[in-house]
Amino acid sequence: MHALAPLLLAASGLPALLVGAWVGRSGNVRSRGMALHWVMIGLAMQAGAVGIYFSEDGRQVRGIVIAMVVLVNALIASMAWQLHRNRKNR
């Protein structure tokens, strides 16, 4: 039961890694930037799952979850800003 939450979190991060691989197939700069954002989101979720698995008490889990949520939201905001900036440059 201790490994169920990290397993679910790691499984929910896999689609972001797959989307990053799929978006990155195109060779242009914009696609590679988007792929990098998606892969970083997936890796942040994987790192959060590993941290939760090896945590010892509830305070550590809370800190890991807060750090992961802040990092993932910052990456999503960065991706949205990049999309907005690329749309203005067309």
PDB file of N, CA and C in Angstrom:
ATOM      1  N   MET A   1       0.812  -1.197   0.000  1.00  0.00           N
ATOM      2  CA  MET A   1       0.000   0.000   0.000  1.00  0.00           C
ATOM      3  C   MET A   1       0.856   1.263   0.000  1.00  0.00           C
ATOM      4  N   HIS A   2       2.048   1.164   0.577  1.00  0.00           N
ATOM      5  CA  HIS A   2       2.941   2.316   0.630  1.00  0.00           C
ATOM      6  C   HIS A   2       3.391   2.733  -0.768  1.00  0.00           C
ATOM      7  N   ALA A   3       3.471   1.810  -1.691  1.00  0.00           N
ATOM      8  CA  ALA A   3       3.978   2.105  -3.023  1.00  0.00           C
ATOM      9  C   ALA A   3       2.881   2.462  -4.016  1.00  0.00           C
ATOM     10  N   LEU A   4       1.619   2.456  -3.592  1.00  0.00           N
ATOM     11  CA  LEU A   4       0.530   2.702  -4.525  1.00  0.00           C
ATOM     12  C   LEU A   4       0.503   4.151  -5.015  1.00  0.00           C
ATOM     13  N   ALA A   5       0.630   5.118  -4.111  1.00  0.00           N
ATOM     14  CA  ALA A   5       0.597   6.535  -4.515  1.00  0.00           C
ATOM     15  C   ALA A   5       1.768   6.892  -5.433  1.00  0.00           C
ATOM     16  N   PRO A   6       3.008   6.506  -5.114  1.00  0.00           N
ATOM     17  CA  PRO A   6       4.096   6.810  -6.046  1.00  0.00           C
ATOM     18  C   PRO A   6       3.933   6.105  -7.401  1.00  0.00           C
ATOM     19  N   LEU A   7       3.378   4.897  -7.377  1.00  0.00           N
ATOM     20  CA  LEU A   7       3.158   4.175  -8.628  1.00  0.00           C
ATOM     21  C   LEU A   7       2.132   4.890  -9.497  1.00  0.00           C
ATOM     22  N   LEU A   8       1.057   5.357  -8.892  1.00  0.00           N
ATOM     23  CA  LEU A   8       0.046   6.102  -9.648  1.00  0.00           C
ATOM     24  C   LEU A   8       0.597   7.428 -10.162  1.00  0.00           C
ATOM     25  N   LEU A   9       1.399   8.085  -9.351  1.00  0.00           N
ATOM     26  CA  LEU A   9       2.003   9.348  -9.786  1.00  0.00           C
ATOM     27  C   LEU A   9       2.973   9.130 -10.940  1.00  0.00           C
ATOM     28  N   ALA A  10       3.781   8.083 -10.845  1.00  0.00           N
ATOM     29  CA  ALA A  10       4.713   7.777 -11.927  1.00  0.00           C
ATOM     30  C   ALA A  10       3.963   7.400 -13.198  1.00  0.00           C
ATOM     31  N   ALA A  11       2.873   6.662 -13.058  1.00  0.00           N
ATOM     32  CA  ALA A  11       2.081   6.288 -14.232  1.00  0.00           C
ATOM     33  C   ALA A  11       1.412   7.501 -14.860  1.00  0.00           C
ATOM     34  N   SER A  12       1.032   8.486 -14.046  1.00  0.00           N
ATOM     35  CA  SER A  12       0.404   9.687 -14.603  1.00  0.00           C
ATOM     36  C   SER A  12       1.424  10.611 -15.262  1.00  0.00           C
ATOM     37  N   GLY A  13       2.709  10.433 -14.980  1.00  0.00           N
ATOM     38  CA  GLY A  13       3.740  11.230 -15.631  1.00  0.00           C
ATOM     39  C   GLY A  13       4.192  10.658 -16.967  1.00  0.00           C
ATOM     40  N   LEU A  14       3.888   9.396 -17.213  1.00  0.00           N
ATOM     41  CA  LEU A  14       4.310   8.776 -18.469  1.00  0.00           C
ATOM     42  C   LEU A  14       3.683   9.412 -19.716  1.00  0.00           C
ATOM     43  N   PRO A  15       2.396   9.789 -19.705  1.00  0.00           N
ATOM     44  CA  PRO A  15       1.860  10.438 -20.913  1.00  0.00           C
ATOM     45  C   PRO A  15       2.602  11.720 -21.306  1.00  0.00           C
ATOM     46  N   ALA A  16       3.077  12.478 -20.329  1.00  0.00           N
ATOM     47  CA  ALA A  16       3.828  13.691 -20.650  1.00  0.00           C
ATOM     48  C   ALA A  16       5.135  13.342 -21.362  1.00  0.00           C
ATOM     49  N   LEU A  17       5.784  12.265 -20.929  1.00  0.00           N
ATOM     50  CA  LEU A  17       7.004  11.829 -21.608  1.00  0.00           C
ATOM     51  C   LEU A  17       6.709  11.359 -23.029  1.00  0.00           C
ATOM     52  N   LEU A  18       5.607  10.653 -23.201  1.00  0.00           N
ATOM     53  CA  LEU A  18       5.236  10.176 -24.533  1.00  0.00           C
ATOM     54  C   LEU A  18       4.847  11.329 -25.456  1.00  0.00           C
ATOM     55  N   VAL A  19       4.128  12.308 -24.918  1.00  0.00           N
ATOM     56  CA  VAL A  19       3.775  13.483 -25.727  1.00  0.00           C
ATOM     57  C   VAL A  19       5.041  14.232 -26.125  1.00  0.00           C
ATOM     58  N   GLY A  20       5.994  14.340 -25.212  1.00  0.00           N
ATOM     59  CA  GLY A  20       7.264  14.997 -25.535  1.00  0.00           C
ATOM     60  C   GLY A  20       8.007  14.288 -26.643  1.00  0.00           C
ATOM     61  N   ALA A  21       8.009  12.955 -26.607  1.00  0.00           N
ATOM     62  CA  ALA A  21       8.670  12.197 -27.672  1.00  0.00           C
ATOM     63  C   ALA A  21       7.932  12.366 -28.992  1.00  0.00           C
ATOM     64  N   TRP A  22       6.608  12.415 -28.939  1.00  0.00           N
ATOM     65  CA  TRP A  22       5.823  12.549 -30.159  1.00  0.00           C
ATOM     66  C   TRP A  22       5.977  13.940 -30.774  1.00  0.00           C
ATOM     67  N   VAL A  23       5.946  14.975 -29.938  1.00  0.00           N
ATOM     68  CA  VAL A  23       6.069  16.356 -30.438  1.00  0.00           C
ATOM     69  C   VAL A  23       7.485  16.607 -30.959  1.00  0.00           C
ATOM     70  N   GLY A  24       8.468  15.984 -30.343  1.00  0.00           N
ATOM     71  CA  GLY A  24       9.855  16.219 -30.719  1.00  0.00           C
ATOM     72  C   GLY A  24      10.282  15.558 -32.009  1.00  0.00           C
ATOM     73  N   ARG A  25       9.408  14.768 -32.632  1.00  0.00           N
ATOM     74  CA  ARG A  25       9.780  14.115 -33.889  1.00  0.00           C
ATOM     75  C   ARG A  25      10.038  15.117 -35.002  1.00  0.00           C
ATOM     76  N   SER A  26       9.303  16.206 -34.994  1.00  0.00           N
ATOM     77  CA  SER A  26       9.510  17.231 -36.011  1.00  0.00           C
ATOM     78  C   SER A  26      10.846  17.920 -35.761  1.00  0.00           C
ATOM     79  N   GLY A  27      11.483  18.357 -36.811  1.00  0.00           N
ATOM     80  CA  GLY A  27      12.827  18.895 -36.668  1.00  0.00           C
ATOM     81  C   GLY A  27      12.920  20.382 -36.398  1.00  0.00           C
ATOM     82  N   ASN A  28      11.791  21.110 -36.387  1.00  0.00           N
ATOM     83  CA  ASN A  28      11.921  22.560 -36.229  1.00  0.00           C
ATOM     84  C   ASN A  28      12.139  22.948 -34.758  1.00  0.00           C
ATOM     85  N   VAL A  29      12.559  24.167 -34.563  1.00  0.00           N
ATOM     86  CA  VAL A  29      12.954  24.654 -33.240  1.00  0.00           C
ATOM     87  C   VAL A  29      11.761  24.717 -32.286  1.00  0.00           C
ATOM     88  N   ARG A  30      10.611  25.127 -32.776  1.00  0.00           N
ATOM     89  CA  ARG A  30       9.432  25.249 -31.915  1.00  0.00           C
ATOM     90  C   ARG A  30       9.004  23.889 -31.370  1.00  0.00           C
ATOM     91  N   SER A  31       9.049  22.884 -32.212  1.00  0.00           N
ATOM     92  CA  SER A  31       8.659  21.543 -31.762  1.00  0.00           C
ATOM     93  C   SER A  31       9.639  21.016 -30.716  1.00  0.00           C
ATOM     94  N   ARG A  32      10.907  21.262 -30.916  1.00  0.00           N
ATOM     95  CA  ARG A  32      11.886  20.801 -29.926  1.00  0.00           C
ATOM     96  C   ARG A  32      11.714  21.504 -28.595  1.00  0.00           C
ATOM     97  N   GLY A  33      11.368  22.790 -28.618  1.00  0.00           N
ATOM     98  CA  GLY A  33      11.120  23.524 -27.378  1.00  0.00           C
ATOM     99  C   GLY A  33       9.900  22.995 -26.645  1.00  0.00           C
ATOM    100  N   MET A  34       8.843  22.705 -27.390  1.00  0.00           N
ATOM    101  CA  MET A  34       7.648  22.138 -26.773  1.00  0.00           C
ATOM    102  C   MET A  34       7.936  20.742 -26.224  1.00  0.00           C
ATOM    103  N   ALA A  35       8.685  19.956 -26.972  1.00  0.00           N
ATOM    104  CA  ALA A  35       9.029  18.612 -26.511  1.00  0.00           C
ATOM    105  C   ALA A  35       9.849  18.680 -25.228  1.00  0.00           C
ATOM    106  N   LEU A  36      10.756  19.634 -25.152  1.00  0.00           N
ATOM    107  CA  LEU A  36      11.561  19.789 -23.945  1.00  0.00           C
ATOM    108  C   LEU A  36      10.683  20.113 -22.742  1.00  0.00           C
ATOM    109  N   HIS A  37       9.708  20.991 -22.919  1.00  0.00           N
ATOM    110  CA  HIS A  37       8.797  21.310 -21.824  1.00  0.00           C
ATOM    111  C   HIS A  37       8.012  20.078 -21.381  1.00  0.00           C
ATOM    112  N   TRP A  38       7.485  19.319 -22.333  1.00  0.00           N
ATOM    113  CA  TRP A  38       6.717  18.131 -21.981  1.00  0.00           C
ATOM    114  C   TRP A  38       7.578  17.100 -21.257  1.00  0.00           C
ATOM    115  N   VAL A  39       8.786  16.907 -21.731  1.00  0.00           N
ATOM    116  CA  VAL A  39       9.672  15.931 -21.089  1.00  0.00           C
ATOM    117  C   VAL A  39      10.050  16.387 -19.686  1.00  0.00           C
ATOM    118  N   MET A  40      10.296  17.669 -19.503  1.00  0.00           N
ATOM    119  CA  MET A  40      10.620  18.167 -18.159  1.00  0.00           C
ATOM    120  C   MET A  40       9.439  18.004 -17.208  1.00  0.00           C
ATOM    121  N   ILE A  41       8.211  18.189 -17.697  1.00  0.00           N
ATOM    122  CA  ILE A  41       7.030  17.965 -16.862  1.00  0.00           C
ATOM    123  C   ILE A  41       6.958  16.497 -16.448  1.00  0.00           C
ATOM    124  N   GLY A  42       7.162  15.600 -17.402  1.00  0.00           N
ATOM    125  CA  GLY A  42       7.139  14.175 -17.092  1.00  0.00           C
ATOM    126  C   GLY A  42       8.235  13.775 -16.122  1.00  0.00           C
ATOM    127  N   LEU A  43       9.424  14.322 -16.303  1.00  0.00           N
ATOM    128  CA  LEU A  43      10.525  13.995 -15.396  1.00  0.00           C
ATOM    129  C   LEU A  43      10.302  14.566 -13.999  1.00  0.00           C
ATOM    130  N   ALA A  44       9.674  15.739 -13.914  1.00  0.00           N
ATOM    131  CA  ALA A  44       9.362  16.296 -12.597  1.00  0.00           C
ATOM    132  C   ALA A  44       8.372  15.397 -11.862  1.00  0.00           C
ATOM    133  N   MET A  45       7.416  14.852 -12.587  1.00  0.00           N
ATOM    134  CA  MET A  45       6.458  13.951 -11.959  1.00  0.00           C
ATOM    135  C   MET A  45       7.122  12.634 -11.551  1.00  0.00           C
ATOM    136  N   GLN A  46       8.038  12.144 -12.372  1.00  0.00           N
ATOM    137  CA  GLN A  46       8.756  10.917 -12.025  1.00  0.00           C
ATOM    138  C   GLN A  46       9.639  11.153 -10.792  1.00  0.00           C
ATOM    139  N   ALA A  47      10.313  12.288 -10.749  1.00  0.00           N
ATOM    140  CA  ALA A  47      11.158  12.605  -9.592  1.00  0.00           C
ATOM    141  C   ALA A  47      10.314  12.761  -8.328  1.00  0.00           C
ATOM    142  N   GLY A  48       9.124  13.348  -8.460  1.00  0.00           N
ATOM    143  CA  GLY A  48       8.227  13.450  -7.318  1.00  0.00           C
ATOM    144  C   GLY A  48       7.778  12.084  -6.820  1.00  0.00           C
ATOM    145  N   ALA A  49       7.522  11.170  -7.752  1.00  0.00           N
ATOM    146  CA  ALA A  49       7.119   9.815  -7.364  1.00  0.00           C
ATOM    147  C   ALA A  49       8.243   9.101  -6.627  1.00  0.00           C
ATOM    148  N   VAL A  50       9.461   9.258  -7.099  1.00  0.00           N
ATOM    149  CA  VAL A  50      10.604   8.632  -6.426  1.00  0.00           C
ATOM    150  C   VAL A  50      10.793   9.245  -5.039  1.00  0.00           C
ATOM    151  N   GLY A  51      10.655  10.551  -4.942  1.00  0.00           N
ATOM    152  CA  GLY A  51      10.786  11.212  -3.649  1.00  0.00           C
ATOM    153  C   GLY A  51       9.723  10.775  -2.664  1.00  0.00           C
ATOM    154  N   ILE A  52       8.493  10.628  -3.124  1.00  0.00           N
ATOM    155  CA  ILE A  52       7.416  10.169  -2.244  1.00  0.00           C
ATOM    156  C   ILE A  52       7.673   8.734  -1.805  1.00  0.00           C
ATOM    157  N   TYR A  53       8.174   7.917  -2.705  1.00  0.00           N
ATOM    158  CA  TYR A  53       8.430   6.512  -2.354  1.00  0.00           C
ATOM    159  C   TYR A  53       9.473   6.394  -1.242  1.00  0.00           C
ATOM    160  N   PHE A  54      10.520   7.219  -1.320  1.00  0.00           N
ATOM    161  CA  PHE A  54      11.595   7.123  -0.334  1.00  0.00           C
ATOM    162  C   PHE A  54      11.413   8.051   0.869  1.00  0.00           C
ATOM    163  N   SER A  55      10.303   8.760   0.944  1.00  0.00           N
ATOM    164  CA  SER A  55      10.090   9.651   2.088  1.00  0.00           C
ATOM    165  C   SER A  55       9.748   8.838   3.330  1.00  0.00           C
ATOM    166  N   GLU A  56      10.000   9.436   4.468  1.00  0.00           N
ATOM    167  CA  GLU A  56       9.837   8.711   5.730  1.00  0.00           C
ATOM    168  C   GLU A  56       8.604   9.126   6.512  1.00  0.00           C
ATOM    169  N   ASP A  57       8.162  10.367   6.374  1.00  0.00           N
ATOM    170  CA  ASP A  57       6.984  10.787   7.128  1.00  0.00           C
ATOM    171  C   ASP A  57       6.123  11.723   6.281  1.00  0.00           C
ATOM    172  N   GLY A  58       4.992  12.131   6.857  1.00  0.00           N
ATOM    173  CA  GLY A  58       4.031  12.955   6.135  1.00  0.00           C
ATOM    174  C   GLY A  58       4.535  14.342   5.799  1.00  0.00           C
ATOM    175  N   ARG A  59       5.402  14.888   6.627  1.00  0.00           N
ATOM    176  CA  ARG A  59       5.929  16.233   6.337  1.00  0.00           C
ATOM    177  C   ARG A  59       6.794  16.223   5.091  1.00  0.00           C
ATOM    178  N   GLN A  60       7.598  15.181   4.933  1.00  0.00           N
ATOM    179  CA  GLN A  60       8.425  15.086   3.727  1.00  0.00           C
ATOM    180  C   GLN A  60       7.558  14.915   2.487  1.00  0.00           C
ATOM    181  N   VAL A  61       6.532  14.093   2.600  1.00  0.00           N
ATOM    182  CA  VAL A  61       5.632  13.878   1.465  1.00  0.00           C
ATOM    183  C   VAL A  61       4.953  15.184   1.081  1.00  0.00           C
ATOM    184  N   ARG A  62       4.497  15.922   2.067  1.00  0.00           N
ATOM    185  CA  ARG A  62       3.846  17.204   1.797  1.00  0.00           C
ATOM    186  C   ARG A  62       4.793  18.166   1.090  1.00  0.00           C
ATOM    187  N   GLY A  63       6.029  18.250   1.546  1.00  0.00           N
ATOM    188  CA  GLY A  63       7.006  19.131   0.910  1.00  0.00           C
ATOM    189  C   GLY A  63       7.319  18.705  -0.512  1.00  0.00           C
ATOM    190  N   ILE A  64       7.430  17.416  -0.737  1.00  0.00           N
ATOM    191  CA  ILE A  64       7.722  16.914  -2.086  1.00  0.00           C
ATOM    192  C   ILE A  64       6.568  17.213  -3.026  1.00  0.00           C
ATOM    193  N   VAL A  65       5.348  16.990  -2.551  1.00  0.00           N
ATOM    194  CA  VAL A  65       4.177  17.237  -3.398  1.00  0.00           C
ATOM    195  C   VAL A  65       4.050  18.721  -3.718  1.00  0.00           C
ATOM    196  N   ILE A  66       4.275  19.579  -2.745  1.00  0.00           N
ATOM    197  CA  ILE A  66       4.193  21.024  -2.994  1.00  0.00           C
ATOM    198  C   ILE A  66       5.263  21.456  -3.994  1.00  0.00           C
ATOM    199  N   ALA A  67       6.488  20.964  -3.832  1.00  0.00           N
ATOM    200  CA  ALA A  67       7.561  21.318  -4.766  1.00  0.00           C
ATOM    201  C   ALA A  67       7.253  20.810  -6.173  1.00  0.00           C
ATOM    202  N   MET A  68       6.708  19.612  -6.278  1.00  0.00           N
ATOM    203  CA  MET A  68       6.391  19.060  -7.595  1.00  0.00           C
ATOM    204  C   MET A  68       5.264  19.851  -8.255  1.00  0.00           C
ATOM    205  N   VAL A  69       4.242  20.202  -7.498  1.00  0.00           N
ATOM    206  CA  VAL A  69       3.130  20.968  -8.062  1.00  0.00           C
ATOM    207  C   VAL A  69       3.604  22.337  -8.533  1.00  0.00           C
ATOM    208  N   VAL A  70       4.440  23.001  -7.747  1.00  0.00           N
ATOM    209  CA  VAL A  70       4.961  24.309  -8.141  1.00  0.00           C
ATOM    210  C   VAL A  70       5.812  24.185  -9.412  1.00  0.00           C
ATOM    211  N   LEU A  71       6.666  23.177  -9.473  1.00  0.00           N
ATOM    212  CA  LEU A  71       7.532  22.988 -10.643  1.00  0.00           C
ATOM    213  C   LEU A  71       6.723  22.678 -11.893  1.00  0.00           C
ATOM    214  N   VAL A  72       5.760  21.782 -11.793  1.00  0.00           N
ATOM    215  CA  VAL A  72       4.946  21.424 -12.959  1.00  0.00           C
ATOM    216  C   VAL A  72       4.126  22.625 -13.420  1.00  0.00           C
ATOM    217  N   ASN A  73       3.552  23.374 -12.499  1.00  0.00           N
ATOM    218  CA  ASN A  73       2.786  24.559 -12.890  1.00  0.00           C
ATOM    219  C   ASN A  73       3.679  25.625 -13.511  1.00  0.00           C
ATOM    220  N   ALA A  74       4.889  25.788 -13.010  1.00  0.00           N
ATOM    221  CA  ALA A  74       5.818  26.748 -13.612  1.00  0.00           C
ATOM    222  C   ALA A  74       6.189  26.321 -15.033  1.00  0.00           C
ATOM    223  N   LEU A  75       6.379  25.031 -15.238  1.00  0.00           N
ATOM    224  CA  LEU A  75       6.692  24.552 -16.583  1.00  0.00           C
ATOM    225  C   LEU A  75       5.514  24.719 -17.536  1.00  0.00           C
ATOM    226  N   ILE A  76       4.308  24.504 -17.044  1.00  0.00           N
ATOM    227  CA  ILE A  76       3.124  24.711 -17.886  1.00  0.00           C
ATOM    228  C   ILE A  76       2.966  26.186 -18.224  1.00  0.00           C
ATOM    229  N   ALA A  77       3.199  27.069 -17.258  1.00  0.00           N
ATOM    230  CA  ALA A  77       3.126  28.503 -17.534  1.00  0.00           C
ATOM    231  C   ALA A  77       4.197  28.916 -18.531  1.00  0.00           C
ATOM    232  N   SER A  78       5.390  28.357 -18.415  1.00  0.00           N
ATOM    233  CA  SER A  78       6.458  28.650 -19.364  1.00  0.00           C
ATOM    234  C   SER A  78       6.094  28.166 -20.761  1.00  0.00           C
ATOM    235  N   MET A  79       5.454  27.007 -20.846  1.00  0.00           N
ATOM    236  CA  MET A  79       5.048  26.487 -22.143  1.00  0.00           C
ATOM    237  C   MET A  79       3.967  27.371 -22.766  1.00  0.00           C
ATOM    238  N   ALA A  80       3.012  27.818 -21.964  1.00  0.00           N
ATOM    239  CA  ALA A  80       1.967  28.709 -22.468  1.00  0.00           C
ATOM    240  C   ALA A  80       2.556  30.041 -22.928  1.00  0.00           C
ATOM    241  N   TRP A  81       3.538  30.551 -22.173  1.00  0.00           N
ATOM    242  CA  TRP A  81       4.178  31.805 -22.558  1.00  0.00           C
ATOM    243  C   TRP A  81       4.931  31.632 -23.875  1.00  0.00           C
ATOM    244  N   GLN A  82       5.595  30.494 -24.051  1.00  0.00           N
ATOM    245  CA  GLN A  82       6.311  30.228 -25.289  1.00  0.00           C
ATOM    246  C   GLN A  82       5.344  30.129 -26.475  1.00  0.00           C
ATOM    247  N   LEU A  83       4.209  29.475 -26.264  1.00  0.00           N
ATOM    248  CA  LEU A  83       3.207  29.390 -27.333  1.00  0.00           C
ATOM    249  C   LEU A  83       2.687  30.768 -27.699  1.00  0.00           C
ATOM    250  N   HIS A  84       2.439  31.606 -26.703  1.00  0.00           N
ATOM    251  CA  HIS A  84       1.954  32.961 -26.968  1.00  0.00           C
ATOM    252  C   HIS A  84       3.011  33.776 -27.710  1.00  0.00           C
ATOM    253  N   ARG A  85       4.252  33.649 -27.297  1.00  0.00           N
ATOM    254  CA  ARG A  85       5.343  34.395 -27.944  1.00  0.00           C
ATOM    255  C   ARG A  85       5.540  33.914 -29.375  1.00  0.00           C
ATOM    256  N   ASN A  86       5.458  32.624 -29.609  1.00  0.00           N
ATOM    257  CA  ASN A  86       5.629  32.107 -30.967  1.00  0.00           C
ATOM    258  C   ASN A  86       4.477  32.508 -31.878  1.00  0.00           C
ATOM    259  N   ARG A  87       3.281  32.635 -31.326  1.00  0.00           N
ATOM    260  CA  ARG A  87       2.146  33.046 -32.133  1.00  0.00           C
ATOM    261  C   ARG A  87       2.277  34.506 -32.549  1.00  0.00           C
ATOM    262  N   LYS A  88       2.848  35.344 -31.678  1.00  0.00           N
ATOM    263  CA  LYS A  88       3.030  36.757 -32.006  1.00  0.00           C
ATOM    264  C   LYS A  88       4.128  36.956 -33.056  1.00  0.00           C
ATOM    265  N   ASN A  89       5.086  36.053 -33.148  1.00  0.00           N
ATOM    266  CA  ASN A  89       6.197  36.199 -34.087  1.00  0.00           C
ATOM    267  C   ASN A  89       5.856  35.757 -35.500  1.00  0.00           C
ATOM    268  N   ARG A  90       4.694  35.230 -35.714  1.00  0.00           N
ATOM    269  CA  ARG A  90       4.346  34.747 -37.060  1.00  0.00           C
ATOM    270  C   ARG A  90       4.049  35.848 -38.004  1.00  0.00           C
TER     271      ARG A  90
END
